[in-house]
Amino acid sequence: MFRYLTAGESHGPRLTAIIEGLPAGLAVSAERINADLARRQCGYGRGGRMKIETDMVEILSGVRWGETLGSPVTLCVVNRDWENWHDRMSPSAEFRDDSIRVTRARPGHADLAGALKYNQRDVRNILERSSARETAV
């Protein structure tokens, strides 16, 4: 069975993907993935965020000497802009600031449906995961 799991927020410290079900022996290289990430950044409809980030993948597990091992593969893309968002996106409760909540859903986005489904009063909790930035992983 093939499974693909992502974690991380658009303005968080990093985006992570875990890919399970790949057979052993598949060729994998950070260079080829990075070439695709660079190509992604030139695509139609790119936003200002694309100018800030220079996406580079780090292969954390499941690959040795350029080949998959048969175990889950973990990929990570660091967000360079994280430092500018640290307080607003911190997992620590000490940085909580209810005055910066996003309370208006954007038309045509996942904001409203996600806020209703997950009972979120701060739409940022939804838009961070439904961002186009998520396509980096």
C-alpha atoms as a PDB file:
ATOM      1  CA  MET A   1       0.000   0.000   0.000  1.00  0.00           C
ATOM      2  CA  PHE A   2       1.269   3.455  -0.915  1.00  0.00           C
ATOM      3  CA  ARG A   3       0.804   6.243   1.630  1.00  0.00           C
ATOM      4  CA  TYR A   4       1.798   9.901   1.444  1.00  0.00           C
ATOM      5  CA  LEU A   5       1.624  12.036   4.586  1.00  0.00           C
ATOM      6  CA  THR A   6       2.553  15.705   4.905  1.00  0.00           C
ATOM      7  CA  ALA A   7       3.085  17.840   7.980  1.00  0.00           C
ATOM      8  CA  GLY A   8       3.958  21.442   8.644  1.00  0.00           C
ATOM      9  CA  GLU A   9       2.427  24.813   8.006  1.00  0.00           C
ATOM     10  CA  SER A  10       3.040  27.250   5.172  1.00  0.00           C
ATOM     11  CA  HIS A  11       4.763  29.738   7.496  1.00  0.00           C
ATOM     12  CA  GLY A  12       6.089  27.164   9.962  1.00  0.00           C
ATOM     13  CA  PRO A  13       9.720  26.087  10.325  1.00  0.00           C
ATOM     14  CA  ARG A  14       9.554  23.358   7.677  1.00  0.00           C
ATOM     15  CA  LEU A  15       7.359  21.162   5.541  1.00  0.00           C
ATOM     16  CA  THR A  16       7.766  17.412   5.880  1.00  0.00           C
ATOM     17  CA  ALA A  17       6.579  14.483   3.781  1.00  0.00           C
ATOM     18  CA  ILE A  18       6.635  10.804   4.690  1.00  0.00           C
ATOM     19  CA  ILE A  19       6.230   8.413   1.780  1.00  0.00           C
ATOM     20  CA  GLU A  20       5.485   4.819   2.669  1.00  0.00           C
ATOM     21  CA  GLY A  21       5.187   1.826   0.381  1.00  0.00           C
ATOM     22  CA  LEU A  22       8.047   2.534  -2.010  1.00  0.00           C
ATOM     23  CA  PRO A  23       9.950  -0.597  -2.979  1.00  0.00           C
ATOM     24  CA  ALA A  24      13.648  -0.911  -2.241  1.00  0.00           C
ATOM     25  CA  GLY A  25      16.044   0.003  -5.023  1.00  0.00           C
ATOM     26  CA  LEU A  26      14.351   3.048  -6.573  1.00  0.00           C
ATOM     27  CA  ALA A  27      16.808   5.757  -7.572  1.00  0.00           C
ATOM     28  CA  VAL A  28      16.306   8.945  -5.546  1.00  0.00           C
ATOM     29  CA  SER A  29      18.468  12.049  -5.533  1.00  0.00           C
ATOM     30  CA  ALA A  30      18.066  15.376  -3.791  1.00  0.00           C
ATOM     31  CA  GLU A  31      19.431  17.040  -6.938  1.00  0.00           C
ATOM     32  CA  ARG A  32      16.579  15.736  -9.119  1.00  0.00           C
ATOM     33  CA  ILE A  33      13.967  16.654  -6.531  1.00  0.00           C
ATOM     34  CA  ASN A  34      15.501  20.126  -6.196  1.00  0.00           C
ATOM     35  CA  ALA A  35      15.368  20.564  -9.982  1.00  0.00           C
ATOM     36  CA  ASP A  36      11.621  19.845  -9.852  1.00  0.00           C
ATOM     37  CA  LEU A  37      11.207  22.248  -6.938  1.00  0.00           C
ATOM     38  CA  ALA A  38      12.971  24.968  -8.947  1.00  0.00           C
ATOM     39  CA  ARG A  39      10.686  24.235 -11.915  1.00  0.00           C
ATOM     40  CA  ARG A  40       7.652  24.467  -9.605  1.00  0.00           C
ATOM     41  CA  GLN A  41       8.682  27.966  -8.558  1.00  0.00           C
ATOM     42  CA  CYS A  42       8.489  29.207 -12.146  1.00  0.00           C
ATOM     43  CA  GLY A  43       4.920  27.988 -12.681  1.00  0.00           C
ATOM     44  CA  TYR A  44       1.839  29.966 -13.585  1.00  0.00           C
ATOM     45  CA  GLY A  45       0.146  31.930 -10.813  1.00  0.00           C
ATOM     46  CA  ARG A  46       3.140  32.015  -8.519  1.00  0.00           C
ATOM     47  CA  GLY A  47       2.802  34.393  -5.606  1.00  0.00           C
ATOM     48  CA  GLY A  48       5.254  36.668  -3.845  1.00  0.00           C
ATOM     49  CA  ARG A  49       6.225  33.831  -1.523  1.00  0.00           C
ATOM     50  CA  MET A  50       7.988  32.127  -4.418  1.00  0.00           C
ATOM     51  CA  LYS A  51      10.503  34.980  -4.494  1.00  0.00           C
ATOM     52  CA  ILE A  52      11.275  34.568  -0.784  1.00  0.00           C
ATOM     53  CA  GLU A  53      11.822  30.823  -0.665  1.00  0.00           C
ATOM     54  CA  THR A  54      14.477  28.864  -2.510  1.00  0.00           C
ATOM     55  CA  ASP A  55      13.238  25.365  -1.864  1.00  0.00           C
ATOM     56  CA  MET A  56      15.819  22.658  -1.242  1.00  0.00           C
ATOM     57  CA  VAL A  57      14.870  19.168  -0.121  1.00  0.00           C
ATOM     58  CA  GLU A  58      16.659  17.243   2.579  1.00  0.00           C
ATOM     59  CA  ILE A  59      16.231  13.480   2.527  1.00  0.00           C
ATOM     60  CA  LEU A  60      16.043  12.413   6.168  1.00  0.00           C
ATOM     61  CA  SER A  61      15.314   8.694   5.991  1.00  0.00           C
ATOM     62  CA  GLY A  62      14.605   5.717   3.782  1.00  0.00           C
ATOM     63  CA  VAL A  63      17.356   6.368   1.216  1.00  0.00           C
ATOM     64  CA  ARG A  64      20.939   5.170   1.240  1.00  0.00           C
ATOM     65  CA  TRP A  65      23.485   5.765  -1.472  1.00  0.00           C
ATOM     66  CA  GLY A  66      20.827   7.109  -3.823  1.00  0.00           C
ATOM     67  CA  GLU A  67      18.384   4.208  -3.530  1.00  0.00           C
ATOM     68  CA  THR A  68      15.274   3.618  -1.459  1.00  0.00           C
ATOM     69  CA  LEU A  69      15.580   1.040   1.307  1.00  0.00           C
ATOM     70  CA  GLY A  70      11.962  -0.132   1.348  1.00  0.00           C
ATOM     71  CA  SER A  71      11.330   1.732   4.599  1.00  0.00           C
ATOM     72  CA  PRO A  72       9.413   5.035   4.742  1.00  0.00           C
ATOM     73  CA  VAL A  73      11.149   7.954   3.016  1.00  0.00           C
ATOM     74  CA  THR A  74      11.113  11.267   4.864  1.00  0.00           C
ATOM     75  CA  LEU A  75      11.638  14.520   2.969  1.00  0.00           C
ATOM     76  CA  CYS A  76      11.969  17.975   4.494  1.00  0.00           C
ATOM     77  CA  VAL A  77      11.868  21.472   2.982  1.00  0.00           C
ATOM     78  CA  VAL A  78      12.952  24.267   5.331  1.00  0.00           C
ATOM     79  CA  ASN A  79      11.070  27.579   5.233  1.00  0.00           C
ATOM     80  CA  ARG A  80      13.609  30.392   5.063  1.00  0.00           C
ATOM     81  CA  ASP A  81      10.962  32.949   6.034  1.00  0.00           C
ATOM     82  CA  TRP A  82      10.194  31.150   9.342  1.00  0.00           C
ATOM     83  CA  GLU A  83      12.081  33.675  11.463  1.00  0.00           C
ATOM     84  CA  ASN A  84       9.699  36.427  10.319  1.00  0.00           C
ATOM     85  CA  TRP A  85       6.728  34.289  11.421  1.00  0.00           C
ATOM     86  CA  HIS A  86       8.174  32.713  14.569  1.00  0.00           C
ATOM     87  CA  ASP A  87       5.947  34.476  17.111  1.00  0.00           C
ATOM     88  CA  ARG A  88       2.767  34.214  15.002  1.00  0.00           C
ATOM     89  CA  MET A  89       3.274  30.529  14.215  1.00  0.00           C
ATOM     90  CA  SER A  90       5.046  29.317  17.348  1.00  0.00           C
ATOM     91  CA  PRO A  91       3.858  26.036  18.864  1.00  0.00           C
ATOM     92  CA  SER A  92       4.571  27.564  22.284  1.00  0.00           C
ATOM     93  CA  ALA A  93       1.614  29.061  24.190  1.00  0.00           C
ATOM     94  CA  GLU A  94       3.813  31.901  25.462  1.00  0.00           C
ATOM     95  CA  PHE A  95       3.552  33.625  22.058  1.00  0.00           C
ATOM     96  CA  ARG A  96      -0.255  33.417  21.823  1.00  0.00           C
ATOM     97  CA  ASP A  97      -1.764  36.707  20.665  1.00  0.00           C
ATOM     98  CA  ASP A  98      -5.484  36.587  19.922  1.00  0.00           C
ATOM     99  CA  SER A  99      -5.326  40.058  18.371  1.00  0.00           C
ATOM    100  CA  ILE A 100      -3.647  38.617  15.257  1.00  0.00           C
ATOM    101  CA  ARG A 101      -6.335  36.022  14.544  1.00  0.00           C
ATOM    102  CA  VAL A 102      -7.530  35.766  10.962  1.00  0.00           C
ATOM    103  CA  THR A 103     -11.312  35.888  11.298  1.00  0.00           C
ATOM    104  CA  ARG A 104     -12.470  36.429   7.707  1.00  0.00           C
ATOM    105  CA  ALA A 105     -12.459  33.529   5.317  1.00  0.00           C
ATOM    106  CA  ARG A 106     -11.185  34.260   1.810  1.00  0.00           C
ATOM    107  CA  PRO A 107     -13.738  33.611  -0.941  1.00  0.00           C
ATOM    108  CA  GLY A 108     -12.879  30.610  -3.075  1.00  0.00           C
ATOM    109  CA  HIS A 109     -10.403  29.120  -0.594  1.00  0.00           C
ATOM    110  CA  ALA A 110     -10.598  26.257   1.900  1.00  0.00           C
ATOM    111  CA  ASP A 111     -10.780  28.692   4.825  1.00  0.00           C
ATOM    112  CA  LEU A 112     -14.509  28.607   5.599  1.00  0.00           C
ATOM    113  CA  ALA A 113     -15.047  24.889   5.022  1.00  0.00           C
ATOM    114  CA  GLY A 114     -11.980  24.029   7.110  1.00  0.00           C
ATOM    115  CA  ALA A 115     -12.868  26.425   9.928  1.00  0.00           C
ATOM    116  CA  LEU A 116     -16.347  24.900  10.162  1.00  0.00           C
ATOM    117  CA  LYS A 117     -15.130  21.303   9.894  1.00  0.00           C
ATOM    118  CA  TYR A 118     -12.408  21.674  12.544  1.00  0.00           C
ATOM    119  CA  ASN A 119     -14.245  24.229  14.700  1.00  0.00           C
ATOM    120  CA  GLN A 120     -11.482  26.821  14.364  1.00  0.00           C
ATOM    121  CA  ARG A 121     -12.018  30.481  15.225  1.00  0.00           C
ATOM    122  CA  ASP A 122      -8.677  31.481  13.703  1.00  0.00           C
ATOM    123  CA  VAL A 123      -8.790  30.803   9.968  1.00  0.00           C
ATOM    124  CA  ARG A 124      -4.964  30.885   9.854  1.00  0.00           C
ATOM    125  CA  ASN A 125      -5.015  27.353  11.291  1.00  0.00           C
ATOM    126  CA  ILE A 126      -6.721  26.256   8.075  1.00  0.00           C
ATOM    127  CA  LEU A 127      -5.054  28.448   5.472  1.00  0.00           C
ATOM    128  CA  GLU A 128      -1.576  27.413   6.632  1.00  0.00           C
ATOM    129  CA  ARG A 129      -2.299  23.808   5.605  1.00  0.00           C
ATOM    130  CA  SER A 130      -4.324  24.601   2.473  1.00  0.00           C
ATOM    131  CA  SER A 131      -1.706  26.971   1.055  1.00  0.00           C
ATOM    132  CA  ALA A 132      -0.103  26.440  -2.345  1.00  0.00           C
ATOM    133  CA  ARG A 133       3.157  26.275  -0.390  1.00  0.00           C
ATOM    134  CA  GLU A 134       2.114  22.770   0.629  1.00  0.00           C
ATOM    135  CA  THR A 135       2.845  21.635  -2.937  1.00  0.00           C
ATOM    136  CA  ALA A 136       6.569  21.936  -2.158  1.00  0.00           C
ATOM    137  CA  VAL A 137       6.351  18.529  -0.501  1.00  0.00           C
END
